[in-house]
Amino acid sequence: MLDDKNIPENTKFDHGRIVMTRKINNKVADDEEFAKFVINSLKRHLKGDWGDLPKEDEKENDLAVKEGNLRIFSAYENENNKIWIITEADRSATTILFPEEY
């Protein structure tokens, strides 16, 4: 599901290894529409579109991109699902998860 063709060339920040929780992975494997939602959300995250966040959190993410040493957090929601995407402060990994898995 996640391979180099799903990752934009010009990302706004280093993202490290991209991983997802087992629950996300299982749902991606079983639900093509959910898989598309996850890929689209990841692309948005990597391009600096923080999704469904309050303005204060968007500003924190913008600062994290600028400073390069703070965690980046995005939230995305469609009719049936809500996911979070978190890039670690050290940029070693970006994780896709359901909010209840945090």
PDB file of N, CA and C in Angstrom:
ATOM      1  N   MET A   1       0.830  -1.179   0.000  1.00  0.00           N
ATOM      2  CA  MET A   1       0.000   0.000   0.000  1.00  0.00           C
ATOM      3  C   MET A   1       0.876   1.244   0.000  1.00  0.00           C
ATOM      4  N   LEU A   2       1.768   1.348   0.958  1.00  0.00           N
ATOM      5  CA  LEU A   2       2.641   2.517   1.000  1.00  0.00           C
ATOM      6  C   LEU A   2       3.970   2.179   0.354  1.00  0.00           C
ATOM      7  N   ASP A   3       4.237   2.857  -0.727  1.00  0.00           N
ATOM      8  CA  ASP A   3       5.538   2.717  -1.371  1.00  0.00           C
ATOM      9  C   ASP A   3       5.931   4.089  -1.904  1.00  0.00           C
ATOM     10  N   ASP A   4       7.067   4.147  -2.558  1.00  0.00           N
ATOM     11  CA  ASP A   4       7.604   5.432  -3.003  1.00  0.00           C
ATOM     12  C   ASP A   4       6.661   6.201  -3.921  1.00  0.00           C
ATOM     13  N   LYS A   5       5.840   5.499  -4.693  1.00  0.00           N
ATOM     14  CA  LYS A   5       4.937   6.203  -5.609  1.00  0.00           C
ATOM     15  C   LYS A   5       3.837   6.962  -4.861  1.00  0.00           C
ATOM     16  N   ASN A   6       3.593   6.623  -3.602  1.00  0.00           N
ATOM     17  CA  ASN A   6       2.581   7.312  -2.796  1.00  0.00           C
ATOM     18  C   ASN A   6       3.134   8.520  -2.044  1.00  0.00           C
ATOM     19  N   ILE A   7       4.430   8.712  -2.106  1.00  0.00           N
ATOM     20  CA  ILE A   7       5.054   9.798  -1.360  1.00  0.00           C
ATOM     21  C   ILE A   7       5.439  10.903  -2.332  1.00  0.00           C
ATOM     22  N   PRO A   8       4.919  12.107  -2.120  1.00  0.00           N
ATOM     23  CA  PRO A   8       5.262  13.211  -3.028  1.00  0.00           C
ATOM     24  C   PRO A   8       6.764  13.466  -3.049  1.00  0.00           C
ATOM     25  N   GLU A   9       7.262  13.920  -4.189  1.00  0.00           N
ATOM     26  CA  GLU A   9       8.690  14.209  -4.314  1.00  0.00           C
ATOM     27  C   GLU A   9       9.103  15.411  -3.484  1.00  0.00           C
ATOM     28  N   ASN A  10       8.314  16.442  -3.493  1.00  0.00           N
ATOM     29  CA  ASN A  10       8.658  17.689  -2.801  1.00  0.00           C
ATOM     30  C   ASN A  10       7.873  17.804  -1.497  1.00  0.00           C
ATOM     31  N   THR A  11       8.323  17.085  -0.491  1.00  0.00           N
ATOM     32  CA  THR A  11       7.643  17.178   0.803  1.00  0.00           C
ATOM     33  C   THR A  11       8.140  18.417   1.540  1.00  0.00           C
ATOM     34  N   LYS A  12       7.330  18.877   2.475  1.00  0.00           N
ATOM     35  CA  LYS A  12       7.652  20.107   3.203  1.00  0.00           C
ATOM     36  C   LYS A  12       8.691  19.877   4.300  1.00  0.00           C
ATOM     37  N   PHE A  13       8.913  18.609   4.679  1.00  0.00           N
ATOM     38  CA  PHE A  13       9.830  18.278   5.767  1.00  0.00           C
ATOM     39  C   PHE A  13      10.268  16.827   5.619  1.00  0.00           C
ATOM     40  N   ASP A  14      11.373  16.473   6.291  1.00  0.00           N
ATOM     41  CA  ASP A  14      11.797  15.074   6.337  1.00  0.00           C
ATOM     42  C   ASP A  14      10.767  14.285   7.132  1.00  0.00           C
ATOM     43  N   HIS A  15      10.435  13.109   6.679  1.00  0.00           N
ATOM     44  CA  HIS A  15       9.388  12.323   7.329  1.00  0.00           C
ATOM     45  C   HIS A  15       9.890  11.014   7.914  1.00  0.00           C
ATOM     46  N   GLY A  16      11.109  10.624   7.609  1.00  0.00           N
ATOM     47  CA  GLY A  16      11.626   9.365   8.118  1.00  0.00           C
ATOM     48  C   GLY A  16      10.872   8.182   7.546  1.00  0.00           C
ATOM     49  N   ARG A  17      10.901   7.093   8.274  1.00  0.00           N
ATOM     50  CA  ARG A  17      10.209   5.876   7.864  1.00  0.00           C
ATOM     51  C   ARG A  17       8.706   6.063   8.052  1.00  0.00           C
ATOM     52  N   ILE A  18       7.917   5.687   7.074  1.00  0.00           N
ATOM     53  CA  ILE A  18       6.461   5.803   7.184  1.00  0.00           C
ATOM     54  C   ILE A  18       5.904   4.453   7.603  1.00  0.00           C
ATOM     55  N   VAL A  19       5.171   4.466   8.716  1.00  0.00           N
ATOM     56  CA  VAL A  19       4.604   3.240   9.278  1.00  0.00           C
ATOM     57  C   VAL A  19       3.143   3.473   9.631  1.00  0.00           C
ATOM     58  N   MET A  20       2.429   2.370   9.832  1.00  0.00           N
ATOM     59  CA  MET A  20       1.044   2.454  10.279  1.00  0.00           C
ATOM     60  C   MET A  20       0.802   1.376  11.319  1.00  0.00           C
ATOM     61  N   THR A  21      -0.177   1.616  12.156  1.00  0.00           N
ATOM     62  CA  THR A  21      -0.513   0.620  13.170  1.00  0.00           C
ATOM     63  C   THR A  21      -1.159  -0.598  12.509  1.00  0.00           C
ATOM     64  N   ARG A  22      -1.219  -1.667  13.248  1.00  0.00           N
ATOM     65  CA  ARG A  22      -1.826  -2.903  12.736  1.00  0.00           C
ATOM     66  C   ARG A  22      -3.296  -2.670  12.365  1.00  0.00           C
ATOM     67  N   LYS A  23      -4.030  -1.909  13.182  1.00  0.00           N
ATOM     68  CA  LYS A  23      -5.446  -1.656  12.887  1.00  0.00           C
ATOM     69  C   LYS A  23      -5.608  -0.891  11.579  1.00  0.00           C
ATOM     70  N   ILE A  24      -4.775   0.113  11.369  1.00  0.00           N
ATOM     71  CA  ILE A  24      -4.815   0.858  10.112  1.00  0.00           C
ATOM     72  C   ILE A  24      -4.475  -0.082   8.957  1.00  0.00           C
ATOM     73  N   ASN A  25      -3.409  -0.843   9.095  1.00  0.00           N
ATOM     74  CA  ASN A  25      -2.984  -1.761   8.050  1.00  0.00           C
ATOM     75  C   ASN A  25      -4.081  -2.760   7.683  1.00  0.00           C
ATOM     76  N   ASN A  26      -4.731  -3.320   8.686  1.00  0.00           N
ATOM     77  CA  ASN A  26      -5.792  -4.292   8.428  1.00  0.00           C
ATOM     78  C   ASN A  26      -6.961  -3.662   7.680  1.00  0.00           C
ATOM     79  N   LYS A  27      -7.323  -2.460   8.079  1.00  0.00           N
ATOM     80  CA  LYS A  27      -8.442  -1.792   7.404  1.00  0.00           C
ATOM     81  C   LYS A  27      -8.061  -1.389   5.981  1.00  0.00           C
ATOM     82  N   VAL A  28      -6.827  -0.946   5.776  1.00  0.00           N
ATOM     83  CA  VAL A  28      -6.341  -0.620   4.426  1.00  0.00           C
ATOM     84  C   VAL A  28      -6.431  -1.862   3.530  1.00  0.00           C
ATOM     85  N   ALA A  29      -6.053  -3.007   4.069  1.00  0.00           N
ATOM     86  CA  ALA A  29      -6.073  -4.244   3.290  1.00  0.00           C
ATOM     87  C   ALA A  29      -7.490  -4.675   2.917  1.00  0.00           C
ATOM     88  N   ASP A  30      -8.463  -4.331   3.765  1.00  0.00           N
ATOM     89  CA  ASP A  30      -9.849  -4.781   3.566  1.00  0.00           C
ATOM     90  C   ASP A  30     -10.748  -3.766   2.887  1.00  0.00           C
ATOM     91  N   ASP A  31     -10.328  -2.508   2.804  1.00  0.00           N
ATOM     92  CA  ASP A  31     -11.234  -1.447   2.369  1.00  0.00           C
ATOM     93  C   ASP A  31     -10.507  -0.482   1.424  1.00  0.00           C
ATOM     94  N   GLU A  32     -10.774  -0.609   0.136  1.00  0.00           N
ATOM     95  CA  GLU A  32     -10.080   0.192  -0.870  1.00  0.00           C
ATOM     96  C   GLU A  32     -10.334   1.696  -0.690  1.00  0.00           C
ATOM     97  N   GLU A  33     -11.546   2.068  -0.342  1.00  0.00           N
ATOM     98  CA  GLU A  33     -11.852   3.494  -0.137  1.00  0.00           C
ATOM     99  C   GLU A  33     -11.074   4.051   1.055  1.00  0.00           C
ATOM    100  N   PHE A  34     -10.964   3.269   2.121  1.00  0.00           N
ATOM    101  CA  PHE A  34     -10.181   3.696   3.274  1.00  0.00           C
ATOM    102  C   PHE A  34      -8.712   3.825   2.895  1.00  0.00           C
ATOM    103  N   ALA A  35      -8.208   2.881   2.094  1.00  0.00           N
ATOM    104  CA  ALA A  35      -6.816   2.951   1.641  1.00  0.00           C
ATOM    105  C   ALA A  35      -6.559   4.245   0.879  1.00  0.00           C
ATOM    106  N   LYS A  36      -7.478   4.629   0.010  1.00  0.00           N
ATOM    107  CA  LYS A  36      -7.347   5.891  -0.740  1.00  0.00           C
ATOM    108  C   LYS A  36      -7.355   7.085   0.214  1.00  0.00           C
ATOM    109  N   PHE A  37      -8.216   7.042   1.207  1.00  0.00           N
ATOM    110  CA  PHE A  37      -8.290   8.102   2.222  1.00  0.00           C
ATOM    111  C   PHE A  37      -6.957   8.231   2.960  1.00  0.00           C
ATOM    112  N   VAL A  38      -6.359   7.109   3.330  1.00  0.00           N
ATOM    113  CA  VAL A  38      -5.080   7.120   4.046  1.00  0.00           C
ATOM    114  C   VAL A  38      -3.977   7.703   3.163  1.00  0.00           C
ATOM    115  N   ILE A  39      -3.897   7.254   1.929  1.00  0.00           N
ATOM    116  CA  ILE A  39      -2.860   7.759   1.022  1.00  0.00           C
ATOM    117  C   ILE A  39      -3.028   9.254   0.788  1.00  0.00           C
ATOM    118  N   ASN A  40      -4.244   9.690   0.534  1.00  0.00           N
ATOM    119  CA  ASN A  40      -4.503  11.118   0.332  1.00  0.00           C
ATOM    120  C   ASN A  40      -4.143  11.926   1.574  1.00  0.00           C
ATOM    121  N   SER A  41      -4.492  11.417   2.736  1.00  0.00           N
ATOM    122  CA  SER A  41      -4.177  12.111   3.993  1.00  0.00           C
ATOM    123  C   SER A  41      -2.671  12.206   4.194  1.00  0.00           C
ATOM    124  N   LEU A  42      -1.953  11.135   3.912  1.00  0.00           N
ATOM    125  CA  LEU A  42      -0.496  11.151   4.042  1.00  0.00           C
ATOM    126  C   LEU A  42       0.107  12.203   3.105  1.00  0.00           C
ATOM    127  N   LYS A  43      -0.354  12.233   1.878  1.00  0.00           N
ATOM    128  CA  LYS A  43       0.146  13.225   0.924  1.00  0.00           C
ATOM    129  C   LYS A  43      -0.108  14.638   1.442  1.00  0.00           C
ATOM    130  N   ARG A  44      -1.295  14.874   1.978  1.00  0.00           N
ATOM    131  CA  ARG A  44      -1.625  16.191   2.535  1.00  0.00           C
ATOM    132  C   ARG A  44      -0.682  16.541   3.683  1.00  0.00           C
ATOM    133  N   HIS A  45      -0.461  15.590   4.576  1.00  0.00           N
ATOM    134  CA  HIS A  45       0.431  15.800   5.722  1.00  0.00           C
ATOM    135  C   HIS A  45       1.823  16.195   5.252  1.00  0.00           C
ATOM    136  N   LEU A  46       2.367  15.452   4.298  1.00  0.00           N
ATOM    137  CA  LEU A  46       3.728  15.688   3.835  1.00  0.00           C
ATOM    138  C   LEU A  46       3.868  16.999   3.063  1.00  0.00           C
ATOM    139  N   LYS A  47       2.765  17.514   2.548  1.00  0.00           N
ATOM    140  CA  LYS A  47       2.777  18.785   1.817  1.00  0.00           C
ATOM    141  C   LYS A  47       2.459  19.976   2.730  1.00  0.00           C
ATOM    142  N   GLY A  48       2.158  19.710   4.026  1.00  0.00           N
ATOM    143  CA  GLY A  48       1.900  20.792   4.966  1.00  0.00           C
ATOM    144  C   GLY A  48       0.440  21.184   5.099  1.00  0.00           C
ATOM    145  N   ASP A  49      -0.473  20.325   4.642  1.00  0.00           N
ATOM    146  CA  ASP A  49      -1.909  20.521   4.855  1.00  0.00           C
ATOM    147  C   ASP A  49      -2.263  19.693   6.088  1.00  0.00           C
ATOM    148  N   TRP A  50      -2.501  20.358   7.199  1.00  0.00           N
ATOM    149  CA  TRP A  50      -2.619  19.683   8.491  1.00  0.00           C
ATOM    150  C   TRP A  50      -3.996  19.092   8.761  1.00  0.00           C
ATOM    151  N   GLY A  51      -4.901  19.207   7.816  1.00  0.00           N
ATOM    152  CA  GLY A  51      -6.202  18.559   7.961  1.00  0.00           C
ATOM    153  C   GLY A  51      -7.138  19.312   8.871  1.00  0.00           C
ATOM    154  N   ASP A  52      -7.794  18.571   9.733  1.00  0.00           N
ATOM    155  CA  ASP A  52      -8.861  19.092  10.586  1.00  0.00           C
ATOM    156  C   ASP A  52      -8.331  19.476  11.960  1.00  0.00           C
ATOM    157  N   LEU A  53      -7.540  20.551  11.987  1.00  0.00           N
ATOM    158  CA  LEU A  53      -6.938  21.021  13.234  1.00  0.00           C
ATOM    159  C   LEU A  53      -7.344  22.460  13.509  1.00  0.00           C
ATOM    160  N   PRO A  54      -7.378  22.841  14.789  1.00  0.00           N
ATOM    161  CA  PRO A  54      -7.575  24.253  15.125  1.00  0.00           C
ATOM    162  C   PRO A  54      -6.384  25.091  14.641  1.00  0.00           C
ATOM    163  N   LYS A  55      -6.607  26.358  14.428  1.00  0.00           N
ATOM    164  CA  LYS A  55      -5.558  27.269  13.932  1.00  0.00           C
ATOM    165  C   LYS A  55      -4.314  27.247  14.819  1.00  0.00           C
ATOM    166  N   GLU A  56      -4.490  27.134  16.135  1.00  0.00           N
ATOM    167  CA  GLU A  56      -3.343  27.117  17.045  1.00  0.00           C
ATOM    168  C   GLU A  56      -2.433  25.919  16.758  1.00  0.00           C
ATOM    169  N   ASP A  57      -3.054  24.761  16.510  1.00  0.00           N
ATOM    170  CA  ASP A  57      -2.276  23.558  16.211  1.00  0.00           C
ATOM    171  C   ASP A  57      -1.603  23.654  14.844  1.00  0.00           C
ATOM    172  N   GLU A  58      -2.283  24.279  13.890  1.00  0.00           N
ATOM    173  CA  GLU A  58      -1.659  24.495  12.581  1.00  0.00           C
ATOM    174  C   GLU A  58      -0.410  25.364  12.728  1.00  0.00           C
ATOM    175  N   LYS A  59      -0.496  26.393  13.560  1.00  0.00           N
ATOM    176  CA  LYS A  59       0.660  27.265  13.796  1.00  0.00           C
ATOM    177  C   LYS A  59       1.805  26.495  14.450  1.00  0.00           C
ATOM    178  N   GLU A  60       1.482  25.595  15.376  1.00  0.00           N
ATOM    179  CA  GLU A  60       2.503  24.758  16.019  1.00  0.00           C
ATOM    180  C   GLU A  60       3.202  23.873  14.985  1.00  0.00           C
ATOM    181  N   ASN A  61       2.428  23.311  14.063  1.00  0.00           N
ATOM    182  CA  ASN A  61       3.023  22.488  13.011  1.00  0.00           C
ATOM    183  C   ASN A  61       3.919  23.322  12.104  1.00  0.00           C
ATOM    184  N   ASP A  62       3.464  24.520  11.750  1.00  0.00           N
ATOM    185  CA  ASP A  62       4.289  25.395  10.912  1.00  0.00           C
ATOM    186  C   ASP A  62       5.611  25.712  11.607  1.00  0.00           C
ATOM    187  N   LEU A  63       5.550  25.955  12.909  1.00  0.00           N
ATOM    188  CA  LEU A  63       6.763  26.198  13.687  1.00  0.00           C
ATOM    189  C   LEU A  63       7.645  24.943  13.710  1.00  0.00           C
ATOM    190  N   ALA A  64       7.019  23.781  13.872  1.00  0.00           N
ATOM    191  CA  ALA A  64       7.770  22.518  13.892  1.00  0.00           C
ATOM    192  C   ALA A  64       8.510  22.297  12.574  1.00  0.00           C
ATOM    193  N   VAL A  65       7.881  22.647  11.472  1.00  0.00           N
ATOM    194  CA  VAL A  65       8.537  22.515  10.167  1.00  0.00           C
ATOM    195  C   VAL A  65       9.715  23.480  10.084  1.00  0.00           C
ATOM    196  N   LYS A  66       9.496  24.698  10.523  1.00  0.00           N
ATOM    197  CA  LYS A  66      10.539  25.730  10.464  1.00  0.00           C
ATOM    198  C   LYS A  66      11.722  25.383  11.367  1.00  0.00           C
ATOM    199  N   GLU A  67      11.435  24.991  12.607  1.00  0.00           N
ATOM    200  CA  GLU A  67      12.477  24.704  13.584  1.00  0.00           C
ATOM    201  C   GLU A  67      13.140  23.343  13.352  1.00  0.00           C
ATOM    202  N   GLY A  68      12.363  22.386  12.874  1.00  0.00           N
ATOM    203  CA  GLY A  68      12.905  21.076  12.561  1.00  0.00           C
ATOM    204  C   GLY A  68      13.155  20.167  13.747  1.00  0.00           C
ATOM    205  N   ASN A  69      12.679  20.535  14.940  1.00  0.00           N
ATOM    206  CA  ASN A  69      12.952  19.683  16.106  1.00  0.00           C
ATOM    207  C   ASN A  69      11.720  19.499  16.995  1.00  0.00           C
ATOM    208  N   LEU A  70      10.542  19.650  16.403  1.00  0.00           N
ATOM    209  CA  LEU A  70       9.294  19.461  17.128  1.00  0.00           C
ATOM    210  C   LEU A  70       8.421  18.463  16.370  1.00  0.00           C
ATOM    211  N   ARG A  71       7.558  17.793  17.089  1.00  0.00           N
ATOM    212  CA  ARG A  71       6.640  16.817  16.497  1.00  0.00           C
ATOM    213  C   ARG A  71       5.636  17.527  15.578  1.00  0.00           C
ATOM    214  N   ILE A  72       5.252  16.855  14.505  1.00  0.00           N
ATOM    215  CA  ILE A  72       4.239  17.366  13.578  1.00  0.00           C
ATOM    216  C   ILE A  72       3.036  16.440  13.657  1.00  0.00           C
ATOM    217  N   PHE A  73       1.873  17.018  13.875  1.00  0.00           N
ATOM    218  CA  PHE A  73       0.638  16.250  14.092  1.00  0.00           C
ATOM    219  C   PHE A  73      -0.440  16.731  13.138  1.00  0.00           C
ATOM    220  N   SER A  74      -1.101  15.798  12.458  1.00  0.00           N
ATOM    221  CA  SER A  74      -2.231  16.115  11.591  1.00  0.00           C
ATOM    222  C   SER A  74      -3.396  15.191  11.906  1.00  0.00           C
ATOM    223  N   ALA A  75      -4.602  15.683  11.640  1.00  0.00           N
ATOM    224  CA  ALA A  75      -5.810  14.889  11.834  1.00  0.00           C
ATOM    225  C   ALA A  75      -6.669  15.008  10.580  1.00  0.00           C
ATOM    226  N   TYR A  76      -7.191  13.877  10.120  1.00  0.00           N
ATOM    227  CA  TYR A  76      -8.014  13.856   8.919  1.00  0.00           C
ATOM    228  C   TYR A  76      -9.271  13.047   9.189  1.00  0.00           C
ATOM    229  N   GLU A  77     -10.364  13.519   8.606  1.00  0.00           N
ATOM    230  CA  GLU A  77     -11.637  12.874   8.854  1.00  0.00           C
ATOM    231  C   GLU A  77     -12.443  12.854   7.561  1.00  0.00           C
ATOM    232  N   ASN A  78     -13.085  11.709   7.302  1.00  0.00           N
ATOM    233  CA  ASN A  78     -14.074  11.648   6.234  1.00  0.00           C
ATOM    234  C   ASN A  78     -15.391  11.212   6.850  1.00  0.00           C
ATOM    235  N   GLU A  79     -16.340  10.789   6.042  1.00  0.00           N
ATOM    236  CA  GLU A  79     -17.665  10.447   6.572  1.00  0.00           C
ATOM    237  C   GLU A  79     -17.628   9.353   7.630  1.00  0.00           C
ATOM    238  N   ASN A  80     -16.707   8.416   7.489  1.00  0.00           N
ATOM    239  CA  ASN A  80     -16.714   7.225   8.344  1.00  0.00           C
ATOM    240  C   ASN A  80     -15.484   7.026   9.212  1.00  0.00           C
ATOM    241  N   ASN A  81     -14.445   7.804   8.980  1.00  0.00           N
ATOM    242  CA  ASN A  81     -13.168   7.510   9.632  1.00  0.00           C
ATOM    243  C   ASN A  81     -12.453   8.774  10.074  1.00  0.00           C
ATOM    244  N   LYS A  82     -11.650   8.608  11.110  1.00  0.00           N
ATOM    245  CA  LYS A  82     -10.759   9.663  11.562  1.00  0.00           C
ATOM    246  C   LYS A  82      -9.395   9.030  11.806  1.00  0.00           C
ATOM    247  N   ILE A  83      -8.363   9.652  11.243  1.00  0.00           N
ATOM    248  CA  ILE A  83      -7.006   9.159  11.475  1.00  0.00           C
ATOM    249  C   ILE A  83      -6.119  10.315  11.907  1.00  0.00           C
ATOM    250  N   TRP A  84      -5.048   9.950  12.564  1.00  0.00           N
ATOM    251  CA  TRP A  84      -4.007  10.903  12.921  1.00  0.00           C
ATOM    252  C   TRP A  84      -2.728  10.486  12.217  1.00  0.00           C
ATOM    253  N   ILE A  85      -1.916  11.479  11.870  1.00  0.00           N
ATOM    254  CA  ILE A  85      -0.588  11.220  11.326  1.00  0.00           C
ATOM    255  C   ILE A  85       0.392  12.047  12.138  1.00  0.00           C
ATOM    256  N   ILE A  86       1.413  11.382  12.666  1.00  0.00           N
ATOM    257  CA  ILE A  86       2.382  12.036  13.540  1.00  0.00           C
ATOM    258  C   ILE A  86       3.785  11.795  13.013  1.00  0.00           C
ATOM    259  N   THR A  87       4.520  12.880  12.781  1.00  0.00           N
ATOM    260  CA  THR A  87       5.934  12.781  12.437  1.00  0.00           C
ATOM    261  C   THR A  87       6.725  13.129  13.685  1.00  0.00           C
ATOM    262  N   GLU A  88       7.620  12.248  14.066  1.00  0.00           N
ATOM    263  CA  GLU A  88       8.405  12.432  15.284  1.00  0.00           C
ATOM    264  C   GLU A  88       9.287  13.672  15.205  1.00  0.00           C
ATOM    265  N   ALA A  89       9.591  14.233  16.354  1.00  0.00           N
ATOM    266  CA  ALA A  89      10.414  15.444  16.434  1.00  0.00           C
ATOM    267  C   ALA A  89      11.779  15.253  15.786  1.00  0.00           C
ATOM    268  N   ASP A  90      12.346  14.049  15.909  1.00  0.00           N
ATOM    269  CA  ASP A  90      13.662  13.789  15.311  1.00  0.00           C
ATOM    270  C   ASP A  90      13.569  13.374  13.840  1.00  0.00           C
ATOM    271  N   ARG A  91      12.346  13.354  13.302  1.00  0.00           N
ATOM    272  CA  ARG A  91      12.051  13.022  11.907  1.00  0.00           C
ATOM    273  C   ARG A  91      12.448  11.597  11.529  1.00  0.00           C
ATOM    274  N   SER A  92      12.521  10.722  12.529  1.00  0.00           N
ATOM    275  CA  SER A  92      12.890   9.329  12.267  1.00  0.00           C
ATOM    276  C   SER A  92      11.724   8.523  11.706  1.00  0.00           C
ATOM    277  N   ALA A  93      10.489   8.936  12.005  1.00  0.00           N
ATOM    278  CA  ALA A  93       9.334   8.155  11.556  1.00  0.00           C
ATOM    279  C   ALA A  93       8.087   9.021  11.488  1.00  0.00           C
ATOM    280  N   THR A  94       7.190   8.609  10.617  1.00  0.00           N
ATOM    281  CA  THR A  94       5.850   9.177  10.513  1.00  0.00           C
ATOM    282  C   THR A  94       4.888   8.015  10.675  1.00  0.00           C
ATOM    283  N   THR A  95       3.978   8.137  11.632  1.00  0.00           N
ATOM    284  CA  THR A  95       3.058   7.054  11.970  1.00  0.00           C
ATOM    285  C   THR A  95       1.619   7.430  11.656  1.00  0.00           C
ATOM    286  N   ILE A  96       0.893   6.512  11.047  1.00  0.00           N
ATOM    287  CA  ILE A  96      -0.521   6.677  10.748  1.00  0.00           C
ATOM    288  C   ILE A  96      -1.281   5.793  11.726  1.00  0.00           C
ATOM    289  N   LEU A  97      -2.252   6.381  12.443  1.00  0.00           N
ATOM    290  CA  LEU A  97      -2.976   5.635  13.470  1.00  0.00           C
ATOM    291  C   LEU A  97      -4.374   6.171  13.655  1.00  0.00           C
ATOM    292  N   PHE A  98      -5.208   5.366  14.307  1.00  0.00           N
ATOM    293  CA  PHE A  98      -6.523   5.836  14.746  1.00  0.00           C
ATOM    294  C   PHE A  98      -6.339   6.595  16.057  1.00  0.00           C
ATOM    295  N   PRO A  99      -7.137   7.628  16.318  1.00  0.00           N
ATOM    296  CA  PRO A  99      -6.982   8.397  17.560  1.00  0.00           C
ATOM    297  C   PRO A  99      -6.995   7.545  18.819  1.00  0.00           C
ATOM    298  N   GLU A 100      -7.822   6.513  18.848  1.00  0.00           N
ATOM    299  CA  GLU A 100      -7.913   5.682  20.057  1.00  0.00           C
ATOM    300  C   GLU A 100      -6.658   4.838  20.288  1.00  0.00           C
ATOM    301  N   GLU A 101      -5.760   4.787  19.319  1.00  0.00           N
ATOM    302  CA  GLU A 101      -4.518   4.030  19.468  1.00  0.00           C
ATOM    303  C   GLU A 101      -3.388   4.856  20.062  1.00  0.00           C
ATOM    304  N   TYR A 102      -3.616   6.137  20.271  1.00  0.00           N
ATOM    305  CA  TYR A 102      -2.554   7.014  20.779  1.00  0.00           C
ATOM    306  C   TYR A 102      -2.323   6.755  22.238  1.00  0.00           C
TER     307      TYR A 102
END
